[in-house]
Amino acid sequence: MSAPLDGIESYSAFVYALAARHPFVTHSMLTLAPVGAALAKLEGRIECQGGIRLEVW
């Protein structure tokens, strides 16, 4: 995947594959909801090794 931000479909694949591509991500609870043809809302949390959490909203 060379350009993950070139469309909602490819960005969705990028978001949902984070844990598979990056072993330091231990859990991903992100949800990408399309709002229009070129707009989406991303919410959720990523948990990483060492107890690091990233909240997205």
N, C-alpha and C. Protein backbone atom coordinates (compact mmCIF):
# COMPACT_ATOMS: atom_id res chain seq x y z
N MET A 1 0.86 -1.17 0.00
CA MET A 1 0.00 0.00 0.00
C MET A 1 0.90 1.23 0.00
N SER A 2 0.95 1.91 -1.11
CA SER A 2 1.87 3.03 -1.23
C SER A 2 1.25 4.37 -0.87
N ALA A 3 -0.05 4.53 -1.07
CA ALA A 3 -0.70 5.81 -0.79
C ALA A 3 -2.01 5.56 -0.03
N PRO A 4 -1.94 5.38 1.30
CA PRO A 4 -3.13 5.00 2.06
C PRO A 4 -4.20 6.07 2.13
N LEU A 5 -3.89 7.29 1.76
CA LEU A 5 -4.86 8.37 1.88
C LEU A 5 -5.46 8.78 0.54
N ASP A 6 -5.37 7.92 -0.47
CA ASP A 6 -5.89 8.32 -1.78
C ASP A 6 -7.37 8.02 -1.97
N GLY A 7 -8.04 7.45 -0.99
CA GLY A 7 -9.48 7.18 -1.07
C GLY A 7 -9.95 6.51 0.21
N ILE A 8 -11.25 6.52 0.44
CA ILE A 8 -11.79 5.94 1.67
C ILE A 8 -11.53 4.44 1.73
N GLU A 9 -11.64 3.75 0.61
CA GLU A 9 -11.43 2.30 0.61
C GLU A 9 -10.01 1.94 1.02
N SER A 10 -9.03 2.61 0.44
CA SER A 10 -7.64 2.30 0.78
C SER A 10 -7.29 2.79 2.18
N TYR A 11 -7.86 3.91 2.61
CA TYR A 11 -7.62 4.38 3.98
C TYR A 11 -8.24 3.41 4.99
N SER A 12 -9.41 2.88 4.67
CA SER A 12 -10.05 1.89 5.53
C SER A 12 -9.16 0.66 5.68
N ALA A 13 -8.62 0.17 4.58
CA ALA A 13 -7.71 -0.98 4.63
C ALA A 13 -6.48 -0.65 5.47
N PHE A 14 -5.96 0.55 5.33
CA PHE A 14 -4.80 1.00 6.11
C PHE A 14 -5.11 0.99 7.61
N VAL A 15 -6.27 1.55 7.99
CA VAL A 15 -6.66 1.65 9.40
C VAL A 15 -6.88 0.27 10.00
N TYR A 16 -7.62 -0.59 9.30
CA TYR A 16 -7.98 -1.89 9.87
C TYR A 16 -6.81 -2.89 9.86
N ALA A 17 -5.72 -2.58 9.17
CA ALA A 17 -4.57 -3.48 9.15
C ALA A 17 -3.43 -3.00 10.04
N LEU A 18 -3.64 -1.95 10.83
CA LEU A 18 -2.55 -1.41 11.66
C LEU A 18 -1.93 -2.46 12.56
N ALA A 19 -2.74 -3.22 13.29
CA ALA A 19 -2.21 -4.22 14.22
C ALA A 19 -1.46 -5.34 13.49
N ALA A 20 -1.93 -5.70 12.31
CA ALA A 20 -1.27 -6.76 11.53
C ALA A 20 0.09 -6.30 10.99
N ARG A 21 0.20 -5.02 10.65
CA ARG A 21 1.43 -4.49 10.08
C ARG A 21 2.44 -4.03 11.11
N HIS A 22 1.97 -3.68 12.30
CA HIS A 22 2.86 -3.13 13.32
C HIS A 22 2.74 -3.96 14.61
N PRO A 23 3.70 -4.83 14.88
CA PRO A 23 3.62 -5.73 16.02
C PRO A 23 3.55 -5.03 17.38
N PHE A 24 3.98 -3.78 17.47
CA PHE A 24 3.90 -3.08 18.76
C PHE A 24 2.47 -2.67 19.09
N VAL A 25 1.56 -2.70 18.10
CA VAL A 25 0.13 -2.44 18.36
C VAL A 25 -0.47 -3.74 18.87
N THR A 26 -0.92 -3.74 20.12
CA THR A 26 -1.46 -4.95 20.72
C THR A 26 -2.96 -5.10 20.51
N HIS A 27 -3.66 -3.99 20.33
CA HIS A 27 -5.11 -4.04 20.12
C HIS A 27 -5.56 -2.76 19.43
N SER A 28 -6.44 -2.92 18.47
CA SER A 28 -6.98 -1.77 17.77
C SER A 28 -8.50 -1.84 17.77
N MET A 29 -9.12 -0.79 18.24
CA MET A 29 -10.58 -0.71 18.28
C MET A 29 -11.04 0.52 17.49
N LEU A 30 -10.45 0.72 16.34
CA LEU A 30 -10.81 1.87 15.51
C LEU A 30 -11.99 1.54 14.60
N THR A 31 -12.84 2.52 14.39
CA THR A 31 -13.97 2.39 13.49
C THR A 31 -13.95 3.56 12.52
N LEU A 32 -14.01 3.24 11.25
CA LEU A 32 -14.04 4.25 10.20
C LEU A 32 -15.43 4.23 9.57
N ALA A 33 -16.15 5.32 9.70
CA ALA A 33 -17.51 5.41 9.18
C ALA A 33 -17.57 6.46 8.07
N PRO A 34 -17.88 6.05 6.85
CA PRO A 34 -18.00 7.02 5.76
C PRO A 34 -19.12 8.02 6.03
N VAL A 35 -18.85 9.29 5.74
CA VAL A 35 -19.82 10.36 5.91
C VAL A 35 -20.28 10.86 4.54
N GLY A 36 -19.45 10.67 3.55
CA GLY A 36 -19.76 11.10 2.19
C GLY A 36 -18.84 10.37 1.23
N ALA A 37 -18.81 10.81 0.00
CA ALA A 37 -17.99 10.15 -1.01
C ALA A 37 -16.49 10.26 -0.72
N ALA A 38 -16.08 11.37 -0.09
CA ALA A 38 -14.65 11.58 0.16
C ALA A 38 -14.38 11.98 1.61
N LEU A 39 -15.29 11.63 2.51
CA LEU A 39 -15.14 12.02 3.91
C LEU A 39 -15.56 10.87 4.81
N ALA A 40 -14.80 10.66 5.90
CA ALA A 40 -15.14 9.61 6.86
C ALA A 40 -14.77 10.07 8.26
N LYS A 41 -15.39 9.44 9.24
CA LYS A 41 -15.14 9.75 10.65
C LYS A 41 -14.42 8.56 11.27
N LEU A 42 -13.28 8.83 11.92
CA LEU A 42 -12.48 7.80 12.56
C LEU A 42 -12.57 7.97 14.07
N GLU A 43 -12.94 6.90 14.77
CA GLU A 43 -13.04 6.93 16.23
C GLU A 43 -12.52 5.62 16.79
N GLY A 44 -12.09 5.66 18.04
CA GLY A 44 -11.70 4.45 18.73
C GLY A 44 -10.41 4.60 19.50
N ARG A 45 -9.73 3.46 19.69
CA ARG A 45 -8.51 3.45 20.51
C ARG A 45 -7.55 2.42 19.95
N ILE A 46 -6.28 2.74 20.04
CA ILE A 46 -5.20 1.82 19.72
C ILE A 46 -4.42 1.61 21.02
N GLU A 47 -4.13 0.35 21.34
CA GLU A 47 -3.30 0.03 22.50
C GLU A 47 -2.00 -0.56 22.00
N CYS A 48 -0.90 -0.09 22.60
CA CYS A 48 0.43 -0.53 22.18
C CYS A 48 1.18 -1.13 23.36
N GLN A 49 2.27 -1.79 23.05
CA GLN A 49 3.13 -2.35 24.09
C GLN A 49 3.56 -1.25 25.05
N GLY A 50 3.75 -1.60 26.30
CA GLY A 50 4.19 -0.65 27.30
C GLY A 50 3.04 0.14 27.89
N GLY A 51 1.78 -0.26 27.60
CA GLY A 51 0.64 0.42 28.16
C GLY A 51 0.28 1.74 27.49
N ILE A 52 0.82 1.99 26.33
CA ILE A 52 0.52 3.23 25.61
C ILE A 52 -0.83 3.09 24.91
N ARG A 53 -1.67 4.11 25.06
CA ARG A 53 -2.99 4.12 24.43
C ARG A 53 -3.16 5.42 23.65
N LEU A 54 -3.76 5.29 22.48
CA LEU A 54 -4.08 6.45 21.64
C LEU A 54 -5.58 6.48 21.44
N GLU A 55 -6.23 7.52 21.94
CA GLU A 55 -7.66 7.70 21.77
C GLU A 55 -7.89 8.60 20.54
N VAL A 56 -8.79 8.18 19.68
CA VAL A 56 -9.10 8.94 18.47
C VAL A 56 -10.59 9.26 18.49
N TRP A 57 -10.93 10.58 18.43
CA TRP A 57 -12.33 10.99 18.36
C TRP A 57 -12.46 12.39 17.89
